[in-house]
Amino acid sequence: PLDAKGPDYGNRPGMASFAQIELI
């Protein structure tokens, strides 16, 4: 799996997921 390139903002309802943020 890819290593995270930035901070994980946690699971926040209604907000972009960690996977979405990393893909962006």
PDBML (XML) file of the C-alpha atoms, coordinates in Angstrom:
<?xml version="1.0" encoding="UTF-8" ?>
<PDBx:datablock datablockName="MODEL"
   xmlns:PDBx="http://pdbml.pdb.org/schema/pdbx-v50.xsd"
   xmlns:xsi="http://www.w3.org/2001/XMLSchema-instance"
   xsi:schemaLocation="http://pdbml.pdb.org/schema/pdbx-v50.xsd pdbx-v50.xsd">
   <PDBx:atom_siteCategory>
      <PDBx:atom_site id="1">
         <PDBx:B_iso_or_equiv>0.00</PDBx:B_iso_or_equiv>
         <PDBx:Cartn_x>0.000</PDBx:Cartn_x>
         <PDBx:Cartn_y>0.000</PDBx:Cartn_y>
         <PDBx:Cartn_z>0.000</PDBx:Cartn_z>
         <PDBx:auth_asym_id>A</PDBx:auth_asym_id>
         <PDBx:auth_atom_id>CA</PDBx:auth_atom_id>
         <PDBx:auth_comp_id>PRO</PDBx:auth_comp_id>
         <PDBx:auth_seq_id>1</PDBx:auth_seq_id>
         <PDBx:group_PDB>ATOM</PDBx:group_PDB>
         <PDBx:label_alt_id xsi:nil="true" />
         <PDBx:label_asym_id>A</PDBx:label_asym_id>
         <PDBx:label_atom_id>CA</PDBx:label_atom_id>
         <PDBx:label_comp_id>PRO</PDBx:label_comp_id>
         <PDBx:label_entity_id>1</PDBx:label_entity_id>
         <PDBx:label_seq_id>1</PDBx:label_seq_id>
         <PDBx:occupancy>1.00</PDBx:occupancy>
         <PDBx:pdbx_PDB_model_num>1</PDBx:pdbx_PDB_model_num>
         <PDBx:type_symbol>C</PDBx:type_symbol>
      </PDBx:atom_site>
      <PDBx:atom_site id="2">
         <PDBx:B_iso_or_equiv>0.00</PDBx:B_iso_or_equiv>
         <PDBx:Cartn_x>1.044</PDBx:Cartn_x>
         <PDBx:Cartn_y>3.600</PDBx:Cartn_y>
         <PDBx:Cartn_z>-0.616</PDBx:Cartn_z>
         <PDBx:auth_asym_id>A</PDBx:auth_asym_id>
         <PDBx:auth_atom_id>CA</PDBx:auth_atom_id>
         <PDBx:auth_comp_id>LEU</PDBx:auth_comp_id>
         <PDBx:auth_seq_id>2</PDBx:auth_seq_id>
         <PDBx:group_PDB>ATOM</PDBx:group_PDB>
         <PDBx:label_alt_id xsi:nil="true" />
         <PDBx:label_asym_id>A</PDBx:label_asym_id>
         <PDBx:label_atom_id>CA</PDBx:label_atom_id>
         <PDBx:label_comp_id>LEU</PDBx:label_comp_id>
         <PDBx:label_entity_id>1</PDBx:label_entity_id>
         <PDBx:label_seq_id>2</PDBx:label_seq_id>
         <PDBx:occupancy>1.00</PDBx:occupancy>
         <PDBx:pdbx_PDB_model_num>1</PDBx:pdbx_PDB_model_num>
         <PDBx:type_symbol>C</PDBx:type_symbol>
      </PDBx:atom_site>
      <PDBx:atom_site id="3">
         <PDBx:B_iso_or_equiv>0.00</PDBx:B_iso_or_equiv>
         <PDBx:Cartn_x>2.528</PDBx:Cartn_x>
         <PDBx:Cartn_y>5.516</PDBx:Cartn_y>
         <PDBx:Cartn_z>2.268</PDBx:Cartn_z>
         <PDBx:auth_asym_id>A</PDBx:auth_asym_id>
         <PDBx:auth_atom_id>CA</PDBx:auth_atom_id>
         <PDBx:auth_comp_id>ASP</PDBx:auth_comp_id>
         <PDBx:auth_seq_id>3</PDBx:auth_seq_id>
         <PDBx:group_PDB>ATOM</PDBx:group_PDB>
         <PDBx:label_alt_id xsi:nil="true" />
         <PDBx:label_asym_id>A</PDBx:label_asym_id>
         <PDBx:label_atom_id>CA</PDBx:label_atom_id>
         <PDBx:label_comp_id>ASP</PDBx:label_comp_id>
         <PDBx:label_entity_id>1</PDBx:label_entity_id>
         <PDBx:label_seq_id>3</PDBx:label_seq_id>
         <PDBx:occupancy>1.00</PDBx:occupancy>
         <PDBx:pdbx_PDB_model_num>1</PDBx:pdbx_PDB_model_num>
         <PDBx:type_symbol>C</PDBx:type_symbol>
      </PDBx:atom_site>
      <PDBx:atom_site id="4">
         <PDBx:B_iso_or_equiv>0.00</PDBx:B_iso_or_equiv>
         <PDBx:Cartn_x>0.555</PDBx:Cartn_x>
         <PDBx:Cartn_y>8.520</PDBx:Cartn_y>
         <PDBx:Cartn_z>3.410</PDBx:Cartn_z>
         <PDBx:auth_asym_id>A</PDBx:auth_asym_id>
         <PDBx:auth_atom_id>CA</PDBx:auth_atom_id>
         <PDBx:auth_comp_id>ALA</PDBx:auth_comp_id>
         <PDBx:auth_seq_id>4</PDBx:auth_seq_id>
         <PDBx:group_PDB>ATOM</PDBx:group_PDB>
         <PDBx:label_alt_id xsi:nil="true" />
         <PDBx:label_asym_id>A</PDBx:label_asym_id>
         <PDBx:label_atom_id>CA</PDBx:label_atom_id>
         <PDBx:label_comp_id>ALA</PDBx:label_comp_id>
         <PDBx:label_entity_id>1</PDBx:label_entity_id>
         <PDBx:label_seq_id>4</PDBx:label_seq_id>
         <PDBx:occupancy>1.00</PDBx:occupancy>
         <PDBx:pdbx_PDB_model_num>1</PDBx:pdbx_PDB_model_num>
         <PDBx:type_symbol>C</PDBx:type_symbol>
      </PDBx:atom_site>
      <PDBx:atom_site id="5">
         <PDBx:B_iso_or_equiv>0.00</PDBx:B_iso_or_equiv>
         <PDBx:Cartn_x>1.874</PDBx:Cartn_x>
         <PDBx:Cartn_y>11.735</PDBx:Cartn_y>
         <PDBx:Cartn_z>1.872</PDBx:Cartn_z>
         <PDBx:auth_asym_id>A</PDBx:auth_asym_id>
         <PDBx:auth_atom_id>CA</PDBx:auth_atom_id>
         <PDBx:auth_comp_id>LYS</PDBx:auth_comp_id>
         <PDBx:auth_seq_id>5</PDBx:auth_seq_id>
         <PDBx:group_PDB>ATOM</PDBx:group_PDB>
         <PDBx:label_alt_id xsi:nil="true" />
         <PDBx:label_asym_id>A</PDBx:label_asym_id>
         <PDBx:label_atom_id>CA</PDBx:label_atom_id>
         <PDBx:label_comp_id>LYS</PDBx:label_comp_id>
         <PDBx:label_entity_id>1</PDBx:label_entity_id>
         <PDBx:label_seq_id>5</PDBx:label_seq_id>
         <PDBx:occupancy>1.00</PDBx:occupancy>
         <PDBx:pdbx_PDB_model_num>1</PDBx:pdbx_PDB_model_num>
         <PDBx:type_symbol>C</PDBx:type_symbol>
      </PDBx:atom_site>
      <PDBx:atom_site id="6">
         <PDBx:B_iso_or_equiv>0.00</PDBx:B_iso_or_equiv>
         <PDBx:Cartn_x>0.092</PDBx:Cartn_x>
         <PDBx:Cartn_y>14.080</PDBx:Cartn_y>
         <PDBx:Cartn_z>4.224</PDBx:Cartn_z>
         <PDBx:auth_asym_id>A</PDBx:auth_asym_id>
         <PDBx:auth_atom_id>CA</PDBx:auth_atom_id>
         <PDBx:auth_comp_id>GLY</PDBx:auth_comp_id>
         <PDBx:auth_seq_id>6</PDBx:auth_seq_id>
         <PDBx:group_PDB>ATOM</PDBx:group_PDB>
         <PDBx:label_alt_id xsi:nil="true" />
         <PDBx:label_asym_id>A</PDBx:label_asym_id>
         <PDBx:label_atom_id>CA</PDBx:label_atom_id>
         <PDBx:label_comp_id>GLY</PDBx:label_comp_id>
         <PDBx:label_entity_id>1</PDBx:label_entity_id>
         <PDBx:label_seq_id>6</PDBx:label_seq_id>
         <PDBx:occupancy>1.00</PDBx:occupancy>
         <PDBx:pdbx_PDB_model_num>1</PDBx:pdbx_PDB_model_num>
         <PDBx:type_symbol>C</PDBx:type_symbol>
      </PDBx:atom_site>
      <PDBx:atom_site id="7">
         <PDBx:B_iso_or_equiv>0.00</PDBx:B_iso_or_equiv>
         <PDBx:Cartn_x>-1.866</PDBx:Cartn_x>
         <PDBx:Cartn_y>14.355</PDBx:Cartn_y>
         <PDBx:Cartn_z>7.450</PDBx:Cartn_z>
         <PDBx:auth_asym_id>A</PDBx:auth_asym_id>
         <PDBx:auth_atom_id>CA</PDBx:auth_atom_id>
         <PDBx:auth_comp_id>PRO</PDBx:auth_comp_id>
         <PDBx:auth_seq_id>7</PDBx:auth_seq_id>
         <PDBx:group_PDB>ATOM</PDBx:group_PDB>
         <PDBx:label_alt_id xsi:nil="true" />
         <PDBx:label_asym_id>A</PDBx:label_asym_id>
         <PDBx:label_atom_id>CA</PDBx:label_atom_id>
         <PDBx:label_comp_id>PRO</PDBx:label_comp_id>
         <PDBx:label_entity_id>1</PDBx:label_entity_id>
         <PDBx:label_seq_id>7</PDBx:label_seq_id>
         <PDBx:occupancy>1.00</PDBx:occupancy>
         <PDBx:pdbx_PDB_model_num>1</PDBx:pdbx_PDB_model_num>
         <PDBx:type_symbol>C</PDBx:type_symbol>
      </PDBx:atom_site>
      <PDBx:atom_site id="8">
         <PDBx:B_iso_or_equiv>0.00</PDBx:B_iso_or_equiv>
         <PDBx:Cartn_x>-4.873</PDBx:Cartn_x>
         <PDBx:Cartn_y>12.183</PDBx:Cartn_y>
         <PDBx:Cartn_z>8.212</PDBx:Cartn_z>
         <PDBx:auth_asym_id>A</PDBx:auth_asym_id>
         <PDBx:auth_atom_id>CA</PDBx:auth_atom_id>
         <PDBx:auth_comp_id>ASP</PDBx:auth_comp_id>
         <PDBx:auth_seq_id>8</PDBx:auth_seq_id>
         <PDBx:group_PDB>ATOM</PDBx:group_PDB>
         <PDBx:label_alt_id xsi:nil="true" />
         <PDBx:label_asym_id>A</PDBx:label_asym_id>
         <PDBx:label_atom_id>CA</PDBx:label_atom_id>
         <PDBx:label_comp_id>ASP</PDBx:label_comp_id>
         <PDBx:label_entity_id>1</PDBx:label_entity_id>
         <PDBx:label_seq_id>8</PDBx:label_seq_id>
         <PDBx:occupancy>1.00</PDBx:occupancy>
         <PDBx:pdbx_PDB_model_num>1</PDBx:pdbx_PDB_model_num>
         <PDBx:type_symbol>C</PDBx:type_symbol>
      </PDBx:atom_site>
      <PDBx:atom_site id="9">
         <PDBx:B_iso_or_equiv>0.00</PDBx:B_iso_or_equiv>
         <PDBx:Cartn_x>-7.698</PDBx:Cartn_x>
         <PDBx:Cartn_y>14.403</PDBx:Cartn_y>
         <PDBx:Cartn_z>9.426</PDBx:Cartn_z>
         <PDBx:auth_asym_id>A</PDBx:auth_asym_id>
         <PDBx:auth_atom_id>CA</PDBx:auth_atom_id>
         <PDBx:auth_comp_id>TYR</PDBx:auth_comp_id>
         <PDBx:auth_seq_id>9</PDBx:auth_seq_id>
         <PDBx:group_PDB>ATOM</PDBx:group_PDB>
         <PDBx:label_alt_id xsi:nil="true" />
         <PDBx:label_asym_id>A</PDBx:label_asym_id>
         <PDBx:label_atom_id>CA</PDBx:label_atom_id>
         <PDBx:label_comp_id>TYR</PDBx:label_comp_id>
         <PDBx:label_entity_id>1</PDBx:label_entity_id>
         <PDBx:label_seq_id>9</PDBx:label_seq_id>
         <PDBx:occupancy>1.00</PDBx:occupancy>
         <PDBx:pdbx_PDB_model_num>1</PDBx:pdbx_PDB_model_num>
         <PDBx:type_symbol>C</PDBx:type_symbol>
      </PDBx:atom_site>
      <PDBx:atom_site id="10">
         <PDBx:B_iso_or_equiv>0.00</PDBx:B_iso_or_equiv>
         <PDBx:Cartn_x>-9.629</PDBx:Cartn_x>
         <PDBx:Cartn_y>11.448</PDBx:Cartn_y>
         <PDBx:Cartn_z>10.841</PDBx:Cartn_z>
         <PDBx:auth_asym_id>A</PDBx:auth_asym_id>
         <PDBx:auth_atom_id>CA</PDBx:auth_atom_id>
         <PDBx:auth_comp_id>GLY</PDBx:auth_comp_id>
         <PDBx:auth_seq_id>10</PDBx:auth_seq_id>
         <PDBx:group_PDB>ATOM</PDBx:group_PDB>
         <PDBx:label_alt_id xsi:nil="true" />
         <PDBx:label_asym_id>A</PDBx:label_asym_id>
         <PDBx:label_atom_id>CA</PDBx:label_atom_id>
         <PDBx:label_comp_id>GLY</PDBx:label_comp_id>
         <PDBx:label_entity_id>1</PDBx:label_entity_id>
         <PDBx:label_seq_id>10</PDBx:label_seq_id>
         <PDBx:occupancy>1.00</PDBx:occupancy>
         <PDBx:pdbx_PDB_model_num>1</PDBx:pdbx_PDB_model_num>
         <PDBx:type_symbol>C</PDBx:type_symbol>
      </PDBx:atom_site>
      <PDBx:atom_site id="11">
         <PDBx:B_iso_or_equiv>0.00</PDBx:B_iso_or_equiv>
         <PDBx:Cartn_x>-13.088</PDBx:Cartn_x>
         <PDBx:Cartn_y>10.141</PDBx:Cartn_y>
         <PDBx:Cartn_z>10.062</PDBx:Cartn_z>
         <PDBx:auth_asym_id>A</PDBx:auth_asym_id>
         <PDBx:auth_atom_id>CA</PDBx:auth_atom_id>
         <PDBx:auth_comp_id>ASN</PDBx:auth_comp_id>
         <PDBx:auth_seq_id>11</PDBx:auth_seq_id>
         <PDBx:group_PDB>ATOM</PDBx:group_PDB>
         <PDBx:label_alt_id xsi:nil="true" />
         <PDBx:label_asym_id>A</PDBx:label_asym_id>
         <PDBx:label_atom_id>CA</PDBx:label_atom_id>
         <PDBx:label_comp_id>ASN</PDBx:label_comp_id>
         <PDBx:label_entity_id>1</PDBx:label_entity_id>
         <PDBx:label_seq_id>11</PDBx:label_seq_id>
         <PDBx:occupancy>1.00</PDBx:occupancy>
         <PDBx:pdbx_PDB_model_num>1</PDBx:pdbx_PDB_model_num>
         <PDBx:type_symbol>C</PDBx:type_symbol>
      </PDBx:atom_site>
      <PDBx:atom_site id="12">
         <PDBx:B_iso_or_equiv>0.00</PDBx:B_iso_or_equiv>
         <PDBx:Cartn_x>-15.318</PDBx:Cartn_x>
         <PDBx:Cartn_y>13.195</PDBx:Cartn_y>
         <PDBx:Cartn_z>9.820</PDBx:Cartn_z>
         <PDBx:auth_asym_id>A</PDBx:auth_asym_id>
         <PDBx:auth_atom_id>CA</PDBx:auth_atom_id>
         <PDBx:auth_comp_id>ARG</PDBx:auth_comp_id>
         <PDBx:auth_seq_id>12</PDBx:auth_seq_id>
         <PDBx:group_PDB>ATOM</PDBx:group_PDB>
         <PDBx:label_alt_id xsi:nil="true" />
         <PDBx:label_asym_id>A</PDBx:label_asym_id>
         <PDBx:label_atom_id>CA</PDBx:label_atom_id>
         <PDBx:label_comp_id>ARG</PDBx:label_comp_id>
         <PDBx:label_entity_id>1</PDBx:label_entity_id>
         <PDBx:label_seq_id>12</PDBx:label_seq_id>
         <PDBx:occupancy>1.00</PDBx:occupancy>
         <PDBx:pdbx_PDB_model_num>1</PDBx:pdbx_PDB_model_num>
         <PDBx:type_symbol>C</PDBx:type_symbol>
      </PDBx:atom_site>
      <PDBx:atom_site id="13">
         <PDBx:B_iso_or_equiv>0.00</PDBx:B_iso_or_equiv>
         <PDBx:Cartn_x>-18.925</PDBx:Cartn_x>
         <PDBx:Cartn_y>12.678</PDBx:Cartn_y>
         <PDBx:Cartn_z>8.692</PDBx:Cartn_z>
         <PDBx:auth_asym_id>A</PDBx:auth_asym_id>
         <PDBx:auth_atom_id>CA</PDBx:auth_atom_id>
         <PDBx:auth_comp_id>PRO</PDBx:auth_comp_id>
         <PDBx:auth_seq_id>13</PDBx:auth_seq_id>
         <PDBx:group_PDB>ATOM</PDBx:group_PDB>
         <PDBx:label_alt_id xsi:nil="true" />
         <PDBx:label_asym_id>A</PDBx:label_asym_id>
         <PDBx:label_atom_id>CA</PDBx:label_atom_id>
         <PDBx:label_comp_id>PRO</PDBx:label_comp_id>
         <PDBx:label_entity_id>1</PDBx:label_entity_id>
         <PDBx:label_seq_id>13</PDBx:label_seq_id>
         <PDBx:occupancy>1.00</PDBx:occupancy>
         <PDBx:pdbx_PDB_model_num>1</PDBx:pdbx_PDB_model_num>
         <PDBx:type_symbol>C</PDBx:type_symbol>
      </PDBx:atom_site>
      <PDBx:atom_site id="14">
         <PDBx:B_iso_or_equiv>0.00</PDBx:B_iso_or_equiv>
         <PDBx:Cartn_x>-19.665</PDBx:Cartn_x>
         <PDBx:Cartn_y>14.560</PDBx:Cartn_y>
         <PDBx:Cartn_z>5.488</PDBx:Cartn_z>
         <PDBx:auth_asym_id>A</PDBx:auth_asym_id>
         <PDBx:auth_atom_id>CA</PDBx:auth_atom_id>
         <PDBx:auth_comp_id>GLY</PDBx:auth_comp_id>
         <PDBx:auth_seq_id>14</PDBx:auth_seq_id>
         <PDBx:group_PDB>ATOM</PDBx:group_PDB>
         <PDBx:label_alt_id xsi:nil="true" />
         <PDBx:label_asym_id>A</PDBx:label_asym_id>
         <PDBx:label_atom_id>CA</PDBx:label_atom_id>
         <PDBx:label_comp_id>GLY</PDBx:label_comp_id>
         <PDBx:label_entity_id>1</PDBx:label_entity_id>
         <PDBx:label_seq_id>14</PDBx:label_seq_id>
         <PDBx:occupancy>1.00</PDBx:occupancy>
         <PDBx:pdbx_PDB_model_num>1</PDBx:pdbx_PDB_model_num>
         <PDBx:type_symbol>C</PDBx:type_symbol>
      </PDBx:atom_site>
      <PDBx:atom_site id="15">
         <PDBx:B_iso_or_equiv>0.00</PDBx:B_iso_or_equiv>
         <PDBx:Cartn_x>-16.042</PDBx:Cartn_x>
         <PDBx:Cartn_y>15.432</PDBx:Cartn_y>
         <PDBx:Cartn_z>4.855</PDBx:Cartn_z>
         <PDBx:auth_asym_id>A</PDBx:auth_asym_id>
         <PDBx:auth_atom_id>CA</PDBx:auth_atom_id>
         <PDBx:auth_comp_id>MET</PDBx:auth_comp_id>
         <PDBx:auth_seq_id>15</PDBx:auth_seq_id>
         <PDBx:group_PDB>ATOM</PDBx:group_PDB>
         <PDBx:label_alt_id xsi:nil="true" />
         <PDBx:label_asym_id>A</PDBx:label_asym_id>
         <PDBx:label_atom_id>CA</PDBx:label_atom_id>
         <PDBx:label_comp_id>MET</PDBx:label_comp_id>
         <PDBx:label_entity_id>1</PDBx:label_entity_id>
         <PDBx:label_seq_id>15</PDBx:label_seq_id>
         <PDBx:occupancy>1.00</PDBx:occupancy>
         <PDBx:pdbx_PDB_model_num>1</PDBx:pdbx_PDB_model_num>
         <PDBx:type_symbol>C</PDBx:type_symbol>
      </PDBx:atom_site>
      <PDBx:atom_site id="16">
         <PDBx:B_iso_or_equiv>0.00</PDBx:B_iso_or_equiv>
         <PDBx:Cartn_x>-13.608</PDBx:Cartn_x>
         <PDBx:Cartn_y>13.948</PDBx:Cartn_y>
         <PDBx:Cartn_z>2.340</PDBx:Cartn_z>
         <PDBx:auth_asym_id>A</PDBx:auth_asym_id>
         <PDBx:auth_atom_id>CA</PDBx:auth_atom_id>
         <PDBx:auth_comp_id>ALA</PDBx:auth_comp_id>
         <PDBx:auth_seq_id>16</PDBx:auth_seq_id>
         <PDBx:group_PDB>ATOM</PDBx:group_PDB>
         <PDBx:label_alt_id xsi:nil="true" />
         <PDBx:label_asym_id>A</PDBx:label_asym_id>
         <PDBx:label_atom_id>CA</PDBx:label_atom_id>
         <PDBx:label_comp_id>ALA</PDBx:label_comp_id>
         <PDBx:label_entity_id>1</PDBx:label_entity_id>
         <PDBx:label_seq_id>16</PDBx:label_seq_id>
         <PDBx:occupancy>1.00</PDBx:occupancy>
         <PDBx:pdbx_PDB_model_num>1</PDBx:pdbx_PDB_model_num>
         <PDBx:type_symbol>C</PDBx:type_symbol>
      </PDBx:atom_site>
      <PDBx:atom_site id="17">
         <PDBx:B_iso_or_equiv>0.00</PDBx:B_iso_or_equiv>
         <PDBx:Cartn_x>-12.172</PDBx:Cartn_x>
         <PDBx:Cartn_y>10.628</PDBx:Cartn_y>
         <PDBx:Cartn_z>3.466</PDBx:Cartn_z>
         <PDBx:auth_asym_id>A</PDBx:auth_asym_id>
         <PDBx:auth_atom_id>CA</PDBx:auth_atom_id>
         <PDBx:auth_comp_id>SER</PDBx:auth_comp_id>
         <PDBx:auth_seq_id>17</PDBx:auth_seq_id>
         <PDBx:group_PDB>ATOM</PDBx:group_PDB>
         <PDBx:label_alt_id xsi:nil="true" />
         <PDBx:label_asym_id>A</PDBx:label_asym_id>
         <PDBx:label_atom_id>CA</PDBx:label_atom_id>
         <PDBx:label_comp_id>SER</PDBx:label_comp_id>
         <PDBx:label_entity_id>1</PDBx:label_entity_id>
         <PDBx:label_seq_id>17</PDBx:label_seq_id>
         <PDBx:occupancy>1.00</PDBx:occupancy>
         <PDBx:pdbx_PDB_model_num>1</PDBx:pdbx_PDB_model_num>
         <PDBx:type_symbol>C</PDBx:type_symbol>
      </PDBx:atom_site>
      <PDBx:atom_site id="18">
         <PDBx:B_iso_or_equiv>0.00</PDBx:B_iso_or_equiv>
         <PDBx:Cartn_x>-8.476</PDBx:Cartn_x>
         <PDBx:Cartn_y>9.968</PDBx:Cartn_y>
         <PDBx:Cartn_z>3.977</PDBx:Cartn_z>
         <PDBx:auth_asym_id>A</PDBx:auth_asym_id>
         <PDBx:auth_atom_id>CA</PDBx:auth_atom_id>
         <PDBx:auth_comp_id>PHE</PDBx:auth_comp_id>
         <PDBx:auth_seq_id>18</PDBx:auth_seq_id>
         <PDBx:group_PDB>ATOM</PDBx:group_PDB>
         <PDBx:label_alt_id xsi:nil="true" />
         <PDBx:label_asym_id>A</PDBx:label_asym_id>
         <PDBx:label_atom_id>CA</PDBx:label_atom_id>
         <PDBx:label_comp_id>PHE</PDBx:label_comp_id>
         <PDBx:label_entity_id>1</PDBx:label_entity_id>
         <PDBx:label_seq_id>18</PDBx:label_seq_id>
         <PDBx:occupancy>1.00</PDBx:occupancy>
         <PDBx:pdbx_PDB_model_num>1</PDBx:pdbx_PDB_model_num>
         <PDBx:type_symbol>C</PDBx:type_symbol>
      </PDBx:atom_site>
      <PDBx:atom_site id="19">
         <PDBx:B_iso_or_equiv>0.00</PDBx:B_iso_or_equiv>
         <PDBx:Cartn_x>-8.483</PDBx:Cartn_x>
         <PDBx:Cartn_y>7.810</PDBx:Cartn_y>
         <PDBx:Cartn_z>0.829</PDBx:Cartn_z>
         <PDBx:auth_asym_id>A</PDBx:auth_asym_id>
         <PDBx:auth_atom_id>CA</PDBx:auth_atom_id>
         <PDBx:auth_comp_id>ALA</PDBx:auth_comp_id>
         <PDBx:auth_seq_id>19</PDBx:auth_seq_id>
         <PDBx:group_PDB>ATOM</PDBx:group_PDB>
         <PDBx:label_alt_id xsi:nil="true" />
         <PDBx:label_asym_id>A</PDBx:label_asym_id>
         <PDBx:label_atom_id>CA</PDBx:label_atom_id>
         <PDBx:label_comp_id>ALA</PDBx:label_comp_id>
         <PDBx:label_entity_id>1</PDBx:label_entity_id>
         <PDBx:label_seq_id>19</PDBx:label_seq_id>
         <PDBx:occupancy>1.00</PDBx:occupancy>
         <PDBx:pdbx_PDB_model_num>1</PDBx:pdbx_PDB_model_num>
         <PDBx:type_symbol>C</PDBx:type_symbol>
      </PDBx:atom_site>
      <PDBx:atom_site id="20">
         <PDBx:B_iso_or_equiv>0.00</PDBx:B_iso_or_equiv>
         <PDBx:Cartn_x>-10.026</PDBx:Cartn_x>
         <PDBx:Cartn_y>10.645</PDBx:Cartn_y>
         <PDBx:Cartn_z>-1.211</PDBx:Cartn_z>
         <PDBx:auth_asym_id>A</PDBx:auth_asym_id>
         <PDBx:auth_atom_id>CA</PDBx:auth_atom_id>
         <PDBx:auth_comp_id>GLN</PDBx:auth_comp_id>
         <PDBx:auth_seq_id>20</PDBx:auth_seq_id>
         <PDBx:group_PDB>ATOM</PDBx:group_PDB>
         <PDBx:label_alt_id xsi:nil="true" />
         <PDBx:label_asym_id>A</PDBx:label_asym_id>
         <PDBx:label_atom_id>CA</PDBx:label_atom_id>
         <PDBx:label_comp_id>GLN</PDBx:label_comp_id>
         <PDBx:label_entity_id>1</PDBx:label_entity_id>
         <PDBx:label_seq_id>20</PDBx:label_seq_id>
         <PDBx:occupancy>1.00</PDBx:occupancy>
         <PDBx:pdbx_PDB_model_num>1</PDBx:pdbx_PDB_model_num>
         <PDBx:type_symbol>C</PDBx:type_symbol>
      </PDBx:atom_site>
      <PDBx:atom_site id="21">
         <PDBx:B_iso_or_equiv>0.00</PDBx:B_iso_or_equiv>
         <PDBx:Cartn_x>-7.498</PDBx:Cartn_x>
         <PDBx:Cartn_y>13.149</PDBx:Cartn_y>
         <PDBx:Cartn_z>0.132</PDBx:Cartn_z>
         <PDBx:auth_asym_id>A</PDBx:auth_asym_id>
         <PDBx:auth_atom_id>CA</PDBx:auth_atom_id>
         <PDBx:auth_comp_id>ILE</PDBx:auth_comp_id>
         <PDBx:auth_seq_id>21</PDBx:auth_seq_id>
         <PDBx:group_PDB>ATOM</PDBx:group_PDB>
         <PDBx:label_alt_id xsi:nil="true" />
         <PDBx:label_asym_id>A</PDBx:label_asym_id>
         <PDBx:label_atom_id>CA</PDBx:label_atom_id>
         <PDBx:label_comp_id>ILE</PDBx:label_comp_id>
         <PDBx:label_entity_id>1</PDBx:label_entity_id>
         <PDBx:label_seq_id>21</PDBx:label_seq_id>
         <PDBx:occupancy>1.00</PDBx:occupancy>
         <PDBx:pdbx_PDB_model_num>1</PDBx:pdbx_PDB_model_num>
         <PDBx:type_symbol>C</PDBx:type_symbol>
      </PDBx:atom_site>
      <PDBx:atom_site id="22">
         <PDBx:B_iso_or_equiv>0.00</PDBx:B_iso_or_equiv>
         <PDBx:Cartn_x>-4.552</PDBx:Cartn_x>
         <PDBx:Cartn_y>10.866</PDBx:Cartn_y>
         <PDBx:Cartn_z>-0.647</PDBx:Cartn_z>
         <PDBx:auth_asym_id>A</PDBx:auth_asym_id>
         <PDBx:auth_atom_id>CA</PDBx:auth_atom_id>
         <PDBx:auth_comp_id>GLU</PDBx:auth_comp_id>
         <PDBx:auth_seq_id>22</PDBx:auth_seq_id>
         <PDBx:group_PDB>ATOM</PDBx:group_PDB>
         <PDBx:label_alt_id xsi:nil="true" />
         <PDBx:label_asym_id>A</PDBx:label_asym_id>
         <PDBx:label_atom_id>CA</PDBx:label_atom_id>
         <PDBx:label_comp_id>GLU</PDBx:label_comp_id>
         <PDBx:label_entity_id>1</PDBx:label_entity_id>
         <PDBx:label_seq_id>22</PDBx:label_seq_id>
         <PDBx:occupancy>1.00</PDBx:occupancy>
         <PDBx:pdbx_PDB_model_num>1</PDBx:pdbx_PDB_model_num>
         <PDBx:type_symbol>C</PDBx:type_symbol>
      </PDBx:atom_site>
      <PDBx:atom_site id="23">
         <PDBx:B_iso_or_equiv>0.00</PDBx:B_iso_or_equiv>
         <PDBx:Cartn_x>-5.896</PDBx:Cartn_x>
         <PDBx:Cartn_y>10.208</PDBx:Cartn_y>
         <PDBx:Cartn_z>-4.167</PDBx:Cartn_z>
         <PDBx:auth_asym_id>A</PDBx:auth_asym_id>
         <PDBx:auth_atom_id>CA</PDBx:auth_atom_id>
         <PDBx:auth_comp_id>LEU</PDBx:auth_comp_id>
         <PDBx:auth_seq_id>23</PDBx:auth_seq_id>
         <PDBx:group_PDB>ATOM</PDBx:group_PDB>
         <PDBx:label_alt_id xsi:nil="true" />
         <PDBx:label_asym_id>A</PDBx:label_asym_id>
         <PDBx:label_atom_id>CA</PDBx:label_atom_id>
         <PDBx:label_comp_id>LEU</PDBx:label_comp_id>
         <PDBx:label_entity_id>1</PDBx:label_entity_id>
         <PDBx:label_seq_id>23</PDBx:label_seq_id>
         <PDBx:occupancy>1.00</PDBx:occupancy>
         <PDBx:pdbx_PDB_model_num>1</PDBx:pdbx_PDB_model_num>
         <PDBx:type_symbol>C</PDBx:type_symbol>
      </PDBx:atom_site>
      <PDBx:atom_site id="24">
         <PDBx:B_iso_or_equiv>0.00</PDBx:B_iso_or_equiv>
         <PDBx:Cartn_x>-6.270</PDBx:Cartn_x>
         <PDBx:Cartn_y>13.958</PDBx:Cartn_y>
         <PDBx:Cartn_z>-4.743</PDBx:Cartn_z>
         <PDBx:auth_asym_id>A</PDBx:auth_asym_id>
         <PDBx:auth_atom_id>CA</PDBx:auth_atom_id>
         <PDBx:auth_comp_id>ILE</PDBx:auth_comp_id>
         <PDBx:auth_seq_id>24</PDBx:auth_seq_id>
         <PDBx:group_PDB>ATOM</PDBx:group_PDB>
         <PDBx:label_alt_id xsi:nil="true" />
         <PDBx:label_asym_id>A</PDBx:label_asym_id>
         <PDBx:label_atom_id>CA</PDBx:label_atom_id>
         <PDBx:label_comp_id>ILE</PDBx:label_comp_id>
         <PDBx:label_entity_id>1</PDBx:label_entity_id>
         <PDBx:label_seq_id>24</PDBx:label_seq_id>
         <PDBx:occupancy>1.00</PDBx:occupancy>
         <PDBx:pdbx_PDB_model_num>1</PDBx:pdbx_PDB_model_num>
         <PDBx:type_symbol>C</PDBx:type_symbol>
      </PDBx:atom_site>
   </PDBx:atom_siteCategory>
</PDBx:datablock>
